[in-house]
PDB file of N, CA and C in Angstrom:
ATOM      1  N   UNK A   1      81.345  96.845  59.701  1.00  0.00           N
ATOM      2  CA  UNK A   1      82.052  98.159  60.066  1.00  0.00           C
ATOM      3  C   UNK A   1      83.386  97.919  60.679  1.00  0.00           C
ATOM      4  N   UNK A   2      84.223  98.831  60.771  1.00  0.00           N
ATOM      5  CA  UNK A   2      85.382  98.795  61.372  1.00  0.00           C
ATOM      6  C   UNK A   2      85.812 100.255  61.713  1.00  0.00           C
ATOM      7  N   UNK A   3      86.585 100.315  62.843  1.00  0.00           N
ATOM      8  CA  UNK A   3      87.047 101.622  63.241  1.00  0.00           C
ATOM      9  C   UNK A   3      88.249 101.972  62.373  1.00  0.00           C
ATOM     10  N   UNK A   4      88.091 103.311  61.776  1.00  0.00           N
ATOM     11  CA  UNK A   4      89.044 103.753  60.658  1.00  0.00           C
ATOM     12  C   UNK A   4      90.083 104.510  61.411  1.00  0.00           C
ATOM     13  N   UNK A   5      89.669 105.661  62.060  1.00  0.00           N
ATOM     14  CA  UNK A   5      90.699 106.566  62.646  1.00  0.00           C
ATOM     15  C   UNK A   5      90.227 107.053  63.990  1.00  0.00           C
ATOM     16  N   UNK A   6      91.319 107.414  64.715  1.00  0.00           N
ATOM     17  CA  UNK A   6      91.160 107.925  66.112  1.00  0.00           C
ATOM     18  C   UNK A   6      92.109 109.168  66.059  1.00  0.00           C
ATOM     19  N   UNK A   7      91.446 110.283  66.538  1.00  0.00           N
ATOM     20  CA  UNK A   7      92.256 111.655  66.541  1.00  0.00           C
ATOM     21  C   UNK A   7      93.132 111.616  67.928  1.00  0.00           C
ATOM     22  N   UNK A   8      94.434 112.028  67.613  1.00  0.00           N
ATOM     23  CA  UNK A   8      95.397 112.272  68.665  1.00  0.00           C
ATOM     24  C   UNK A   8      95.819 113.759  68.527  1.00  0.00           C
ATOM     25  N   UNK A   9      95.660 114.607  69.528  1.00  0.00           N
ATOM     26  CA  UNK A   9      95.973 115.998  69.378  1.00  0.00           C
ATOM     27  C   UNK A   9      97.504 116.047  69.800  1.00  0.00           C
ATOM     28  N   UNK A  10      98.131 116.763  68.912  1.00  0.00           N
ATOM     29  CA  UNK A  10      99.637 116.797  69.051  1.00  0.00           C
ATOM     30  C   UNK A  10     100.075 118.320  68.980  1.00  0.00           C
ATOM     31  N   UNK A  11     101.310 118.505  69.551  1.00  0.00           N
ATOM     32  CA  UNK A  11     101.828 119.889  69.505  1.00  0.00           C
ATOM     33  C   UNK A  11     102.448 120.220  68.159  1.00  0.00           C
ATOM     34  N   UNK A  12     102.920 119.279  67.439  1.00  0.00           N
ATOM     35  CA  UNK A  12     103.601 119.663  66.065  1.00  0.00           C
ATOM     36  C   UNK A  12     103.470 118.386  65.325  1.00  0.00           C
ATOM     37  N   UNK A  13     103.042 118.588  64.000  1.00  0.00           N
ATOM     38  CA  UNK A  13     102.887 117.420  63.074  1.00  0.00           C
ATOM     39  C   UNK A  13     104.182 116.698  62.846  1.00  0.00           C
ATOM     40  N   UNK A  14     105.200 117.356  62.528  1.00  0.00           N
ATOM     41  CA  UNK A  14     106.468 116.623  62.130  1.00  0.00           C
ATOM     42  C   UNK A  14     107.133 115.969  63.295  1.00  0.00           C
ATOM     43  N   UNK A  15     106.976 116.588  64.507  1.00  0.00           N
ATOM     44  CA  UNK A  15     107.429 115.922  65.715  1.00  0.00           C
ATOM     45  C   UNK A  15     106.670 114.660  65.938  1.00  0.00           C
ATOM     46  N   UNK A  16     105.471 114.695  65.720  1.00  0.00           N
ATOM     47  CA  UNK A  16     104.698 113.536  66.061  1.00  0.00           C
ATOM     48  C   UNK A  16     104.969 112.433  65.117  1.00  0.00           C
ATOM     49  N   UNK A  17     105.010 112.786  63.693  1.00  0.00           N
ATOM     50  CA  UNK A  17     105.246 111.890  62.756  1.00  0.00           C
ATOM     51  C   UNK A  17     106.567 111.232  63.042  1.00  0.00           C
ATOM     52  N   UNK A  18     107.654 111.907  63.520  1.00  0.00           N
ATOM     53  CA  UNK A  18     108.998 111.438  63.864  1.00  0.00           C
ATOM     54  C   UNK A  18     108.732 110.266  64.895  1.00  0.00           C
ATOM     55  N   UNK A  19     107.972 110.556  65.860  1.00  0.00           N
ATOM     56  CA  UNK A  19     107.882 109.549  66.838  1.00  0.00           C
ATOM     57  C   UNK A  19     107.094 108.310  66.435  1.00  0.00           C
ATOM     58  N   UNK A  20     105.985 108.538  65.816  1.00  0.00           N
ATOM     59  CA  UNK A  20     105.192 107.336  65.404  1.00  0.00           C
ATOM     60  C   UNK A  20     105.801 106.517  64.332  1.00  0.00           C
ATOM     61  N   UNK A  21     106.441 107.218  63.403  1.00  0.00           N
ATOM     62  CA  UNK A  21     107.119 106.660  62.365  1.00  0.00           C
ATOM     63  C   UNK A  21     108.468 106.067  62.633  1.00  0.00           C
ATOM     64  N   UNK A  22     109.336 106.841  63.213  1.00  0.00           N
ATOM     65  CA  UNK A  22     110.673 106.499  63.382  1.00  0.00           C
ATOM     66  C   UNK A  22     110.873 105.614  64.705  1.00  0.00           C
ATOM     67  N   UNK A  23     110.150 106.027  65.892  1.00  0.00           N
ATOM     68  CA  UNK A  23     110.273 105.326  67.022  1.00  0.00           C
ATOM     69  C   UNK A  23     109.534 104.016  67.306  1.00  0.00           C
ATOM     70  N   UNK A  24     108.136 104.193  66.748  1.00  0.00           N
ATOM     71  CA  UNK A  24     107.382 103.038  66.945  1.00  0.00           C
ATOM     72  C   UNK A  24     107.219 102.174  65.638  1.00  0.00           C
ATOM     73  N   UNK A  25     107.600 102.629  64.490  1.00  0.00           N
ATOM     74  CA  UNK A  25     107.634 101.906  63.226  1.00  0.00           C
ATOM     75  C   UNK A  25     106.236 101.922  62.539  1.00  0.00           C
ATOM     76  N   UNK A  26     105.393 102.977  62.872  1.00  0.00           N
ATOM     77  CA  UNK A  26     104.172 103.085  62.069  1.00  0.00           C
ATOM     78  C   UNK A  26     104.481 103.621  60.636  1.00  0.00           C
ATOM     79  N   UNK A  27     103.547 103.541  59.804  1.00  0.00           N
ATOM     80  CA  UNK A  27     103.536 104.001  58.375  1.00  0.00           C
ATOM     81  C   UNK A  27     102.968 105.312  58.348  1.00  0.00           C
ATOM     82  N   UNK A  28     103.553 106.190  57.482  1.00  0.00           N
ATOM     83  CA  UNK A  28     102.868 107.500  57.342  1.00  0.00           C
ATOM     84  C   UNK A  28     101.990 107.184  56.077  1.00  0.00           C
ATOM     85  N   UNK A  29     100.597 107.116  56.364  1.00  0.00           N
ATOM     86  CA  UNK A  29      99.517 106.800  55.340  1.00  0.00           C
ATOM     87  C   UNK A  29      99.181 107.954  54.511  1.00  0.00           C
ATOM     88  N   UNK A  30      99.074 109.185  55.236  1.00  0.00           N
ATOM     89  CA  UNK A  30      98.712 110.422  54.527  1.00  0.00           C
ATOM     90  C   UNK A  30      99.334 111.536  55.170  1.00  0.00           C
ATOM     91  N   UNK A  31      99.637 112.574  54.374  1.00  0.00           N
ATOM     92  CA  UNK A  31     100.160 113.891  54.857  1.00  0.00           C
ATOM     93  C   UNK A  31      99.840 115.007  53.709  1.00  0.00           C
ATOM     94  N   UNK A  32      98.680 115.411  53.926  1.00  0.00           N
ATOM     95  CA  UNK A  32      98.133 116.327  53.006  1.00  0.00           C
ATOM     96  C   UNK A  32      98.007 117.764  53.565  1.00  0.00           C
ATOM     97  N   UNK A  33      98.372 118.741  52.813  1.00  0.00           N
ATOM     98  CA  UNK A  33      98.340 120.166  53.309  1.00  0.00           C
ATOM     99  C   UNK A  33      96.930 120.586  52.948  1.00  0.00           C
ATOM    100  N   UNK A  34      96.376 121.178  53.965  1.00  0.00           N
ATOM    101  CA  UNK A  34      94.961 121.614  53.962  1.00  0.00           C
ATOM    102  C   UNK A  34      94.804 123.154  53.877  1.00  0.00           C
ATOM    103  N   UNK A  35      95.975 123.834  53.889  1.00  0.00           N
ATOM    104  CA  UNK A  35      96.021 125.237  53.953  1.00  0.00           C
ATOM    105  C   UNK A  35      96.028 125.778  55.419  1.00  0.00           C
ATOM    106  N   UNK A  36      96.553 127.155  55.398  1.00  0.00           N
ATOM    107  CA  UNK A  36      96.359 127.810  56.665  1.00  0.00           C
ATOM    108  C   UNK A  36      97.198 127.013  57.891  1.00  0.00           C
ATOM    109  N   UNK A  37      98.246 126.251  57.482  1.00  0.00           N
ATOM    110  CA  UNK A  37      98.936 125.613  58.566  1.00  0.00           C
ATOM    111  C   UNK A  37      98.276 124.176  59.011  1.00  0.00           C
ATOM    112  N   UNK A  38      97.236 123.911  58.435  1.00  0.00           N
ATOM    113  CA  UNK A  38      96.484 122.657  58.828  1.00  0.00           C
ATOM    114  C   UNK A  38      96.895 121.556  57.836  1.00  0.00           C
ATOM    115  N   UNK A  39      97.066 120.156  58.344  1.00  0.00           N
ATOM    116  CA  UNK A  39      97.441 119.200  57.571  1.00  0.00           C
ATOM    117  C   UNK A  39      96.479 117.949  57.987  1.00  0.00           C
ATOM    118  N   UNK A  40      96.365 116.964  57.009  1.00  0.00           N
ATOM    119  CA  UNK A  40      95.705 115.839  57.319  1.00  0.00           C
ATOM    120  C   UNK A  40      96.715 114.784  57.383  1.00  0.00           C
ATOM    121  N   UNK A  41      97.146 114.271  58.624  1.00  0.00           N
ATOM    122  CA  UNK A  41      98.110 113.403  58.787  1.00  0.00           C
ATOM    123  C   UNK A  41      97.684 112.277  59.392  1.00  0.00           C
ATOM    124  N   UNK A  42      97.872 111.078  58.776  1.00  0.00           N
ATOM    125  CA  UNK A  42      97.467 109.738  59.332  1.00  0.00           C
ATOM    126  C   UNK A  42      98.599 108.793  59.388  1.00  0.00           C
ATOM    127  N   UNK A  43      98.837 108.129  60.526  1.00  0.00           N
ATOM    128  CA  UNK A  43      99.862 107.169  60.695  1.00  0.00           C
ATOM    129  C   UNK A  43      99.157 105.964  61.291  1.00  0.00           C
ATOM    130  N   UNK A  44      99.848 104.770  61.051  1.00  0.00           N
ATOM    131  CA  UNK A  44      99.046 103.576  61.534  1.00  0.00           C
ATOM    132  C   UNK A  44     100.253 102.457  61.533  1.00  0.00           C
ATOM    133  N   UNK A  45      99.959 101.496  62.416  1.00  0.00           N
ATOM    134  CA  UNK A  45     100.819 100.280  62.285  1.00  0.00           C
ATOM    135  C   UNK A  45     100.407  99.406  61.198  1.00  0.00           C
ATOM    136  N   UNK A  46     100.952  98.424  60.854  1.00  0.00           N
ATOM    137  CA  UNK A  46     100.404  97.568  59.810  1.00  0.00           C
ATOM    138  C   UNK A  46      99.124  97.203  60.119  1.00  0.00           C
ATOM    139  N   UNK A  47      98.172  97.541  59.238  1.00  0.00           N
ATOM    140  CA  UNK A  47      96.841  97.173  59.247  1.00  0.00           C
ATOM    141  C   UNK A  47      96.120  97.824  60.368  1.00  0.00           C
ATOM    142  N   UNK A  48      94.874  97.738  60.589  1.00  0.00           N
ATOM    143  CA  UNK A  48      94.097  98.275  61.643  1.00  0.00           C
ATOM    144  C   UNK A  48      93.843  99.765  61.421  1.00  0.00           C
ATOM    145  N   UNK A  49      93.179 100.298  62.534  1.00  0.00           N
ATOM    146  CA  UNK A  49      92.916 101.710  62.461  1.00  0.00           C
ATOM    147  C   UNK A  49      94.107 102.585  62.511  1.00  0.00           C
ATOM    148  N   UNK A  50      93.914 103.717  62.166  1.00  0.00           N
ATOM    149  CA  UNK A  50      95.064 104.772  61.986  1.00  0.00           C
ATOM    150  C   UNK A  50      94.861 105.859  62.943  1.00  0.00           C
ATOM    151  N   UNK A  51      95.870 106.636  63.343  1.00  0.00           N
ATOM    152  CA  UNK A  51      95.752 107.818  64.294  1.00  0.00           C
ATOM    153  C   UNK A  51      95.810 108.982  63.306  1.00  0.00           C
ATOM    154  N   UNK A  52      94.810 109.928  63.439  1.00  0.00           N
ATOM    155  CA  UNK A  52      94.803 111.148  62.701  1.00  0.00           C
ATOM    156  C   UNK A  52      95.454 112.195  63.744  1.00  0.00           C
ATOM    157  N   UNK A  53      96.642 112.444  63.325  1.00  0.00           N
ATOM    158  CA  UNK A  53      97.282 113.543  64.081  1.00  0.00           C
ATOM    159  C   UNK A  53      96.841 114.982  63.931  1.00  0.00           C
ATOM    160  N   UNK A  54      96.379 115.473  65.041  1.00  0.00           N
ATOM    161  CA  UNK A  54      95.752 116.731  64.719  1.00  0.00           C
ATOM    162  C   UNK A  54      96.464 117.803  65.711  1.00  0.00           C
ATOM    163  N   UNK A  55      97.027 118.827  65.050  1.00  0.00           N
ATOM    164  CA  UNK A  55      97.826 119.801  65.675  1.00  0.00           C
ATOM    165  C   UNK A  55      96.801 120.734  66.528  1.00  0.00           C
ATOM    166  N   UNK A  56      97.102 120.815  67.810  1.00  0.00           N
ATOM    167  CA  UNK A  56      96.245 121.687  68.614  1.00  0.00           C
ATOM    168  C   UNK A  56      96.182 123.128  67.999  1.00  0.00           C
ATOM    169  N   UNK A  57      94.911 123.675  68.050  1.00  0.00           N
ATOM    170  CA  UNK A  57      94.699 124.976  67.264  1.00  0.00           C
ATOM    171  C   UNK A  57      94.417 126.017  68.328  1.00  0.00           C
ATOM    172  N   UNK A  58      94.257 125.681  69.718  1.00  0.00           N
ATOM    173  CA  UNK A  58      93.824 126.574  70.735  1.00  0.00           C
ATOM    174  C   UNK A  58      94.436 126.152  72.015  1.00  0.00           C
ATOM    175  N   UNK A  59      94.407 126.994  73.119  1.00  0.00           N
ATOM    176  CA  UNK A  59      94.871 126.498  74.563  1.00  0.00           C
ATOM    177  C   UNK A  59      94.025 125.376  75.041  1.00  0.00           C
ATOM    178  N   UNK A  60      92.681 125.275  74.732  1.00  0.00           N
ATOM    179  CA  UNK A  60      91.960 124.371  75.239  1.00  0.00           C
ATOM    180  C   UNK A  60      92.399 122.890  74.580  1.00  0.00           C
ATOM    181  N   UNK A  61      92.624 122.913  73.385  1.00  0.00           N
ATOM    182  CA  UNK A  61      93.102 121.696  72.824  1.00  0.00           C
ATOM    183  C   UNK A  61      94.516 121.256  73.201  1.00  0.00           C
ATOM    184  N   UNK A  62      95.274 122.362  73.305  1.00  0.00           N
ATOM    185  CA  UNK A  62      96.687 122.152  73.804  1.00  0.00           C
ATOM    186  C   UNK A  62      96.864 121.546  75.230  1.00  0.00           C
ATOM    187  N   UNK A  63      95.817 121.827  76.091  1.00  0.00           N
ATOM    188  CA  UNK A  63      95.715 121.440  77.423  1.00  0.00           C
ATOM    189  C   UNK A  63      95.410 119.805  77.359  1.00  0.00           C
ATOM    190  N   UNK A  64      94.969 119.349  76.340  1.00  0.00           N
ATOM    191  CA  UNK A  64      94.642 117.852  76.414  1.00  0.00           C
ATOM    192  C   UNK A  64      95.922 117.055  75.879  1.00  0.00           C
ATOM    193  N   UNK A  65      96.852 117.712  75.363  1.00  0.00           N
ATOM    194  CA  UNK A  65      98.175 116.935  74.873  1.00  0.00           C
ATOM    195  C   UNK A  65      98.703 116.130  75.885  1.00  0.00           C
ATOM    196  N   UNK A  66      98.870 114.840  75.780  1.00  0.00           N
ATOM    197  CA  UNK A  66      99.435 113.999  76.692  1.00  0.00           C
ATOM    198  C   UNK A  66      98.622 113.459  77.741  1.00  0.00           C
ATOM    199  N   UNK A  67      97.306 113.973  77.886  1.00  0.00           N
ATOM    200  CA  UNK A  67      96.363 113.478  78.889  1.00  0.00           C
ATOM    201  C   UNK A  67      95.046 113.321  78.269  1.00  0.00           C
ATOM    202  N   UNK A  68      94.930 112.855  77.059  1.00  0.00           N
ATOM    203  CA  UNK A  68      93.727 112.594  76.412  1.00  0.00           C
ATOM    204  C   UNK A  68      92.762 111.698  76.897  1.00  0.00           C
ATOM    205  N   UNK A  69      93.281 110.866  77.854  1.00  0.00           N
ATOM    206  CA  UNK A  69      92.500 109.800  78.438  1.00  0.00           C
ATOM    207  C   UNK A  69      92.457 109.914  80.024  1.00  0.00           C
ATOM    208  N   UNK A  70      92.896 111.164  80.431  1.00  0.00           N
ATOM    209  CA  UNK A  70      92.749 111.453  81.889  1.00  0.00           C
ATOM    210  C   UNK A  70      93.799 110.646  82.800  1.00  0.00           C
ATOM    211  N   UNK A  71      94.855 110.201  82.024  1.00  0.00           N
ATOM    212  CA  UNK A  71      95.961 109.406  82.739  1.00  0.00           C
ATOM    213  C   UNK A  71      95.870 107.991  82.621  1.00  0.00           C
ATOM    214  N   UNK A  72      94.763 107.579  82.121  1.00  0.00           N
ATOM    215  CA  UNK A  72      94.656 106.091  81.899  1.00  0.00           C
ATOM    216  C   UNK A  72      95.227 105.526  80.606  1.00  0.00           C
ATOM    217  N   UNK A  73      95.515 104.356  80.560  1.00  0.00           N
ATOM    218  CA  UNK A  73      95.863 103.877  79.164  1.00  0.00           C
ATOM    219  C   UNK A  73      94.788 104.018  78.227  1.00  0.00           C
ATOM    220  N   UNK A  74      95.019 104.665  77.006  1.00  0.00           N
ATOM    221  CA  UNK A  74      93.999 104.921  76.139  1.00  0.00           C
ATOM    222  C   UNK A  74      94.207 104.258  74.760  1.00  0.00           C
ATOM    223  N   UNK A  75      95.466 103.752  74.620  1.00  0.00           N
ATOM    224  CA  UNK A  75      95.682 103.204  73.206  1.00  0.00           C
ATOM    225  C   UNK A  75      96.402 101.889  73.504  1.00  0.00           C
ATOM    226  N   UNK A  76      96.070 100.958  72.558  1.00  0.00           N
ATOM    227  CA  UNK A  76      96.542  99.571  72.764  1.00  0.00           C
ATOM    228  C   UNK A  76      97.121  99.039  71.475  1.00  0.00           C
ATOM    229  N   UNK A  77      98.311  98.714  71.535  1.00  0.00           N
ATOM    230  CA  UNK A  77      99.110  98.258  70.436  1.00  0.00           C
ATOM    231  C   UNK A  77      99.524  96.739  70.611  1.00  0.00           C
ATOM    232  N   UNK A  78      98.936  95.909  69.589  1.00  0.00           N
ATOM    233  CA  UNK A  78      99.218  94.528  69.809  1.00  0.00           C
ATOM    234  C   UNK A  78     100.433  94.225  68.855  1.00  0.00           C
ATOM    235  N   UNK A  79     101.050  93.176  69.323  1.00  0.00           N
ATOM    236  CA  UNK A  79     102.247  92.606  68.586  1.00  0.00           C
ATOM    237  C   UNK A  79     102.192  90.967  68.565  1.00  0.00           C
ATOM    238  N   UNK A  80     102.839  90.418  67.553  1.00  0.00           N
ATOM    239  CA  UNK A  80     102.983  88.987  67.614  1.00  0.00           C
ATOM    240  C   UNK A  80     104.200  88.550  68.482  1.00  0.00           C
ATOM    241  N   UNK A  81     105.022  89.452  68.722  1.00  0.00           N
ATOM    242  CA  UNK A  81     106.340  89.086  69.536  1.00  0.00           C
ATOM    243  C   UNK A  81     106.697  90.202  70.396  1.00  0.00           C
ATOM    244  N   UNK A  82     106.284  90.195  71.601  1.00  0.00           N
ATOM    245  CA  UNK A  82     106.426  91.314  72.663  1.00  0.00           C
ATOM    246  C   UNK A  82     107.811  91.638  72.819  1.00  0.00           C
ATOM    247  N   UNK A  83     108.704  90.552  73.037  1.00  0.00           N
ATOM    248  CA  UNK A  83     110.050  90.821  73.423  1.00  0.00           C
ATOM    249  C   UNK A  83     110.900  91.484  72.239  1.00  0.00           C
ATOM    250  N   UNK A  84     110.532  91.120  70.912  1.00  0.00           N
ATOM    251  CA  UNK A  84     111.291  91.706  69.806  1.00  0.00           C
ATOM    252  C   UNK A  84     110.787  93.240  69.591  1.00  0.00           C
ATOM    253  N   UNK A  85     109.401  93.447  69.787  1.00  0.00           N
ATOM    254  CA  UNK A  85     108.892  94.800  69.677  1.00  0.00           C
ATOM    255  C   UNK A  85     109.311  95.657  70.721  1.00  0.00           C
ATOM    256  N   UNK A  86     109.333  95.194  71.953  1.00  0.00           N
ATOM    257  CA  UNK A  86     109.798  96.004  73.168  1.00  0.00           C
ATOM    258  C   UNK A  86     111.139  96.331  73.066  1.00  0.00           C
ATOM    259  N   UNK A  87     112.112  95.295  72.618  1.00  0.00           N
ATOM    260  CA  UNK A  87     113.464  95.792  72.402  1.00  0.00           C
ATOM    261  C   UNK A  87     113.634  96.765  71.413  1.00  0.00           C
ATOM    262  N   UNK A  88     113.034  96.696  70.268  1.00  0.00           N
ATOM    263  CA  UNK A  88     113.121  97.780  69.087  1.00  0.00           C
ATOM    264  C   UNK A  88     112.679  99.115  69.800  1.00  0.00           C
ATOM    265  N   UNK A  89     111.614  99.086  70.575  1.00  0.00           N
ATOM    266  CA  UNK A  89     111.116 100.365  71.216  1.00  0.00           C
ATOM    267  C   UNK A  89     112.065 100.890  72.052  1.00  0.00           C
ATOM    268  N   UNK A  90     112.793 100.072  72.903  1.00  0.00           N
ATOM    269  CA  UNK A  90     113.806 100.589  73.799  1.00  0.00           C
ATOM    270  C   UNK A  90     114.962 101.205  73.060  1.00  0.00           C
ATOM    271  N   UNK A  91     115.406 100.485  71.973  1.00  0.00           N
ATOM    272  CA  UNK A  91     116.383 100.922  71.109  1.00  0.00           C
ATOM    273  C   UNK A  91     116.077 102.364  70.480  1.00  0.00           C
ATOM    274  N   UNK A  92     114.815 102.540  70.328  1.00  0.00           N
ATOM    275  CA  UNK A  92     114.439 103.913  69.587  1.00  0.00           C
ATOM    276  C   UNK A  92     113.996 104.928  70.768  1.00  0.00           C
ATOM    277  N   UNK A  93     114.341 104.645  71.842  1.00  0.00           N
ATOM    278  CA  UNK A  93     114.090 105.741  72.955  1.00  0.00           C
ATOM    279  C   UNK A  93     112.731 105.717  73.678  1.00  0.00           C
ATOM    280  N   UNK A  94     111.876 104.705  73.251  1.00  0.00           N
ATOM    281  CA  UNK A  94     110.466 104.648  73.808  1.00  0.00           C
ATOM    282  C   UNK A  94     110.593 104.278  75.276  1.00  0.00           C
ATOM    283  N   UNK A  95     109.855 105.053  76.208  1.00  0.00           N
ATOM    284  CA  UNK A  95     109.966 104.859  77.551  1.00  0.00           C
ATOM    285  C   UNK A  95     108.843 104.017  78.151  1.00  0.00           C
ATOM    286  N   UNK A  96     109.241 102.999  78.808  1.00  0.00           N
ATOM    287  CA  UNK A  96     108.164 102.083  79.392  1.00  0.00           C
ATOM    288  C   UNK A  96     108.051 102.421  80.834  1.00  0.00           C
ATOM    289  N   UNK A  97     106.834 102.361  81.350  1.00  0.00           N
ATOM    290  CA  UNK A  97     106.426 102.798  82.732  1.00  0.00           C
ATOM    291  C   UNK A  97     106.542 101.642  83.666  1.00  0.00           C
ATOM    292  N   UNK A  98     106.879 100.427  83.203  1.00  0.00           N
ATOM    293  CA  UNK A  98     106.894  99.294  83.988  1.00  0.00           C
ATOM    294  C   UNK A  98     107.499  98.122  83.324  1.00  0.00           C
ATOM    295  N   UNK A  99     107.794  97.106  84.017  1.00  0.00           N
ATOM    296  CA  UNK A  99     108.348  95.898  83.290  1.00  0.00           C
ATOM    297  C   UNK A  99     107.212  95.062  82.748  1.00  0.00           C
ATOM    298  N   UNK A 100     107.459  94.258  81.891  1.00  0.00           N
ATOM    299  CA  UNK A 100     106.486  93.381  81.296  1.00  0.00           C
ATOM    300  C   UNK A 100     105.824  92.397  82.307  1.00  0.00           C
ATOM    301  N   UNK A 101     104.573  92.254  82.115  1.00  0.00           N
ATOM    302  CA  UNK A 101     103.835  91.282  83.101  1.00  0.00           C
ATOM    303  C   UNK A 101     102.908  90.394  82.371  1.00  0.00           C
ATOM    304  N   UNK A 102     102.560  89.242  82.809  1.00  0.00           N
ATOM    305  CA  UNK A 102     101.608  88.266  82.165  1.00  0.00           C
ATOM    306  C   UNK A 102     100.306  88.549  82.819  1.00  0.00           C
ATOM    307  N   UNK A 103      99.343  88.628  81.896  1.00  0.00           N
ATOM    308  CA  UNK A 103      98.015  88.887  82.405  1.00  0.00           C
ATOM    309  C   UNK A 103      97.213  87.675  81.596  1.00  0.00           C
ATOM    310  N   UNK A 104      96.010  87.505  82.132  1.00  0.00           N
ATOM    311  CA  UNK A 104      95.086  86.546  81.445  1.00  0.00           C
ATOM    312  C   UNK A 104      94.889  86.743  79.951  1.00  0.00           C
ATOM    313  N   UNK A 105      95.090  87.909  79.426  1.00  0.00           N
ATOM    314  CA  UNK A 105      94.897  88.134  78.096  1.00  0.00           C
ATOM    315  C   UNK A 105      96.090  88.302  77.273  1.00  0.00           C
ATOM    316  N   UNK A 106      97.361  88.163  77.985  1.00  0.00           N
ATOM    317  CA  UNK A 106      98.645  88.130  77.226  1.00  0.00           C
ATOM    318  C   UNK A 106      99.710  88.983  78.097  1.00  0.00           C
ATOM    319  N   UNK A 107     100.787  89.006  77.347  1.00  0.00           N
ATOM    320  CA  UNK A 107     101.908  89.599  77.937  1.00  0.00           C
ATOM    321  C   UNK A 107     101.823  91.301  77.639  1.00  0.00           C
ATOM    322  N   UNK A 108     101.987  92.096  78.554  1.00  0.00           N
ATOM    323  CA  UNK A 108     101.665  93.434  78.435  1.00  0.00           C
ATOM    324  C   UNK A 108     102.645  94.392  79.313  1.00  0.00           C
ATOM    325  N   UNK A 109     102.891  95.648  78.746  1.00  0.00           N
ATOM    326  CA  UNK A 109     103.675  96.601  79.675  1.00  0.00           C
ATOM    327  C   UNK A 109     103.078  98.034  79.032  1.00  0.00           C
ATOM    328  N   UNK A 110     103.138  98.868  79.878  1.00  0.00           N
ATOM    329  CA  UNK A 110     102.680 100.283  79.572  1.00  0.00           C
ATOM    330  C   UNK A 110     103.851 101.208  79.199  1.00  0.00           C
ATOM    331  N   UNK A 111     103.786 101.882  78.077  1.00  0.00           N
ATOM    332  CA  UNK A 111     104.649 102.843  77.626  1.00  0.00           C
ATOM    333  C   UNK A 111     104.114 104.179  77.458  1.00  0.00           C
ATOM    334  N   UNK A 112     104.804 105.159  77.209  1.00  0.00           N
ATOM    335  CA  UNK A 112     104.264 106.476  76.901  1.00  0.00           C
ATOM    336  C   UNK A 112     104.814 107.014  75.661  1.00  0.00           C
ATOM    337  N   UNK A 113     103.909 107.828  74.968  1.00  0.00           N
ATOM    338  CA  UNK A 113     104.378 108.356  73.740  1.00  0.00           C
ATOM    339  C   UNK A 113     105.212 109.618  74.067  1.00  0.00           C
ATOM    340  N   UNK A 114     105.621 110.375  72.935  1.00  0.00           N
ATOM    341  CA  UNK A 114     106.411 111.621  73.314  1.00  0.00           C
ATOM    342  C   UNK A 114     105.684 112.671  73.984  1.00  0.00           C
ATOM    343  N   UNK A 115     104.378 112.658  74.189  1.00  0.00           N
ATOM    344  CA  UNK A 115     103.610 113.565  74.924  1.00  0.00           C
ATOM    345  C   UNK A 115     103.181 113.106  76.298  1.00  0.00           C
ATOM    346  N   UNK A 116     103.338 111.926  76.519  1.00  0.00           N
ATOM    347  CA  UNK A 116     103.036 111.356  77.871  1.00  0.00           C
ATOM    348  C   UNK A 116     101.704 110.548  77.948  1.00  0.00           C
ATOM    349  N   UNK A 117     101.066 110.286  76.699  1.00  0.00           N
ATOM    350  CA  UNK A 117      99.886 109.405  76.594  1.00  0.00           C
ATOM    351  C   UNK A 117     100.281 108.030  76.881  1.00  0.00           C
ATOM    352  N   UNK A 118      99.562 107.306  77.616  1.00  0.00           N
ATOM    353  CA  UNK A 118      99.963 106.028  78.032  1.00  0.00           C
ATOM    354  C   UNK A 118      99.252 105.011  77.048  1.00  0.00           C
ATOM    355  N   UNK A 119     100.106 103.906  76.681  1.00  0.00           N
ATOM    356  CA  UNK A 119      99.842 103.017  75.727  1.00  0.00           C
ATOM    357  C   UNK A 119     100.096 101.707  76.355  1.00  0.00           C
ATOM    358  N   UNK A 120      99.363 100.542  75.944  1.00  0.00           N
ATOM    359  CA  UNK A 120      99.719  99.192  76.372  1.00  0.00           C
ATOM    360  C   UNK A 120     100.360  98.626  75.112  1.00  0.00           C
ATOM    361  N   UNK A 121     101.520  97.947  75.349  1.00  0.00           N
ATOM    362  CA  UNK A 121     102.000  97.080  74.246  1.00  0.00           C
ATOM    363  C   UNK A 121     101.583  95.671  74.792  1.00  0.00           C
ATOM    364  N   UNK A 122     100.901  94.875  73.881  1.00  0.00           N
ATOM    365  CA  UNK A 122     100.428  93.750  74.280  1.00  0.00           C
ATOM    366  C   UNK A 122     100.661  92.543  73.226  1.00  0.00           C
ATOM    367  N   UNK A 123     101.086  91.373  73.712  1.00  0.00           N
ATOM    368  CA  UNK A 123     101.187  90.262  72.917  1.00  0.00           C
ATOM    369  C   UNK A 123      99.981  89.397  73.400  1.00  0.00           C
ATOM    370  N   UNK A 124      98.817  89.412  72.501  1.00  0.00           N
ATOM    371  CA  UNK A 124      97.676  88.539  73.050  1.00  0.00           C
ATOM    372  C   UNK A 124      97.957  87.121  73.291  1.00  0.00           C
ATOM    373  N   UNK A 125      97.346  86.602  74.296  1.00  0.00           N
ATOM    374  CA  UNK A 125      97.417  85.076  74.589  1.00  0.00           C
ATOM    375  C   UNK A 125      96.926  84.375  73.280  1.00  0.00           C
ATOM    376  N   UNK A 126      97.800  83.356  73.065  1.00  0.00           N
ATOM    377  CA  UNK A 126      97.293  82.496  71.858  1.00  0.00           C
ATOM    378  C   UNK A 126      96.021  81.761  72.102  1.00  0.00           C
TER     379      UNK A 126
END
């Protein structure tokens, strides 16, 4: 088995696609019109699980945007070269919450997506 998709509730499909594809460098794997303003939108980094971008359809869902993990880091993006990836993110306007630090599992720093969800960028220890 493998994890295929994780849902991320967003304000707007195109706004979210712009961030994940243009700022983070993800690929747009699917964007299918399901009718009535609903789309099946999947983005992902090279390989691995994808994010199903789901537009909030009511106030309760909208209230979770940017806080889907209660303020904790909820998403973990690994890279083979932290410095190169972090520099590209900085150039693309991605906001980091801290400076990079070395942990037992690798080099890491927390950044936020366009909604405020917290992500770890990690270069795993060899």
